Amino acid sequence: MTAFKTQAHIHSLDGKMDEITILEQVGDNDYIVDYKGVKCHALFNWFNGTYYADDIYTIVKEN
């Protein structure tokens, strides 16, 4: 998968939209994304066609 930018609902913004970068797919509807320098998990809602990034509870820690 090639990284790409798109709009997503952001948890820390109470669901308001902002730009994220999709970095990789790590599971069935589980994506690692970058939001303003924070790597976190996101999912895609097939019903409304938008991503939801959780930059509060699913931050990816570097080893």
C-alpha atoms as a PDB file:
ATOM      1  CA  MET A   1       0.000   0.000   0.000  1.00  0.00           C
ATOM      2  CA  THR A   2       1.300   3.433  -0.910  1.00  0.00           C
ATOM      3  CA  ALA A   3       0.807   6.150   1.721  1.00  0.00           C
ATOM      4  CA  PHE A   4      -1.843   8.704   0.824  1.00  0.00           C
ATOM      5  CA  LYS A   5      -3.555  11.722   2.367  1.00  0.00           C
ATOM      6  CA  THR A   6      -7.296  11.903   3.013  1.00  0.00           C
ATOM      7  CA  GLN A   7      -9.818  13.497   5.355  1.00  0.00           C
ATOM      8  CA  ALA A   8     -10.914  11.730   8.537  1.00  0.00           C
ATOM      9  CA  HIS A   9     -12.986  12.262  11.642  1.00  0.00           C
ATOM     10  CA  ILE A  10     -10.476  12.884  14.457  1.00  0.00           C
ATOM     11  CA  HIS A  11     -11.227  11.699  18.004  1.00  0.00           C
ATOM     12  CA  SER A  12      -9.388  14.580  19.749  1.00  0.00           C
ATOM     13  CA  LEU A  13     -11.408  17.062  17.665  1.00  0.00           C
ATOM     14  CA  ASP A  14     -14.719  15.515  18.783  1.00  0.00           C
ATOM     15  CA  GLY A  15     -15.216  13.998  15.342  1.00  0.00           C
ATOM     16  CA  LYS A  16     -14.445  17.079  13.252  1.00  0.00           C
ATOM     17  CA  MET A  17     -12.644  16.407   9.984  1.00  0.00           C
ATOM     18  CA  ASP A  18      -8.947  17.009   9.344  1.00  0.00           C
ATOM     19  CA  GLU A  19      -6.257  15.602   7.073  1.00  0.00           C
ATOM     20  CA  ILE A  20      -4.477  12.337   7.889  1.00  0.00           C
ATOM     21  CA  THR A  21      -1.935  10.218   6.054  1.00  0.00           C
ATOM     22  CA  ILE A  22      -2.779   6.543   5.694  1.00  0.00           C
ATOM     23  CA  LEU A  23       0.518   4.707   6.184  1.00  0.00           C
ATOM     24  CA  GLU A  24      -0.397   1.018   6.131  1.00  0.00           C
ATOM     25  CA  GLN A  25      -3.193  -1.481   6.590  1.00  0.00           C
ATOM     26  CA  VAL A  26      -2.454  -3.773   9.536  1.00  0.00           C
ATOM     27  CA  GLY A  27      -5.665  -5.772   9.775  1.00  0.00           C
ATOM     28  CA  ASP A  28      -9.168  -6.129   8.478  1.00  0.00           C
ATOM     29  CA  ASN A  29     -10.297  -2.475   8.450  1.00  0.00           C
ATOM     30  CA  ASP A  30      -7.417  -1.430  10.738  1.00  0.00           C
ATOM     31  CA  TYR A  31      -5.024   1.226   9.470  1.00  0.00           C
ATOM     32  CA  ILE A  32      -1.949   2.946  10.880  1.00  0.00           C
ATOM     33  CA  VAL A  33      -2.230   6.651  10.115  1.00  0.00           C
ATOM     34  CA  ASP A  34      -0.282   9.802  10.840  1.00  0.00           C
ATOM     35  CA  TYR A  35      -2.167  12.777  12.229  1.00  0.00           C
ATOM     36  CA  LYS A  36       0.047  15.819  12.806  1.00  0.00           C
ATOM     37  CA  GLY A  37       3.041  13.676  13.715  1.00  0.00           C
ATOM     38  CA  VAL A  38       1.080  11.211  15.878  1.00  0.00           C
ATOM     39  CA  LYS A  39       0.829   7.632  14.617  1.00  0.00           C
ATOM     40  CA  CYS A  40      -2.456   6.023  15.601  1.00  0.00           C
ATOM     41  CA  HIS A  41      -5.050   3.527  14.427  1.00  0.00           C
ATOM     42  CA  ALA A  42      -8.005   4.340  12.216  1.00  0.00           C
ATOM     43  CA  LEU A  43     -10.898   2.477  10.681  1.00  0.00           C
ATOM     44  CA  PHE A  44     -12.973   3.052   7.572  1.00  0.00           C
ATOM     45  CA  ASN A  45     -16.750   3.361   7.796  1.00  0.00           C
ATOM     46  CA  TRP A  46     -18.113   1.760   4.617  1.00  0.00           C
ATOM     47  CA  PHE A  47     -21.599   3.190   5.210  1.00  0.00           C
ATOM     48  CA  ASN A  48     -20.590   6.837   4.935  1.00  0.00           C
ATOM     49  CA  GLY A  49     -17.207   6.472   3.198  1.00  0.00           C
ATOM     50  CA  THR A  50     -15.029   8.174   5.827  1.00  0.00           C
ATOM     51  CA  TYR A  51     -12.128   7.274   8.090  1.00  0.00           C
ATOM     52  CA  TYR A  52     -12.179   7.640  11.879  1.00  0.00           C
ATOM     53  CA  ALA A  53      -8.773   8.201  13.523  1.00  0.00           C
ATOM     54  CA  ASP A  54      -8.393   7.651  17.261  1.00  0.00           C
ATOM     55  CA  ASP A  55      -5.457   9.842  18.276  1.00  0.00           C
ATOM     56  CA  ILE A  56      -6.316   9.531  21.981  1.00  0.00           C
ATOM     57  CA  TYR A  57      -6.591   5.823  22.852  1.00  0.00           C
ATOM     58  CA  THR A  58      -4.868   4.004  19.979  1.00  0.00           C
ATOM     59  CA  ILE A  59      -1.554   5.852  19.654  1.00  0.00           C
ATOM     60  CA  VAL A  60       1.174   3.627  18.213  1.00  0.00           C
ATOM     61  CA  LYS A  61       4.268   3.588  20.446  1.00  0.00           C
ATOM     62  CA  GLU A  62       7.621   3.144  18.733  1.00  0.00           C
ATOM     63  CA  ASN A  63       9.792   0.326  20.141  1.00  0.00           C
END
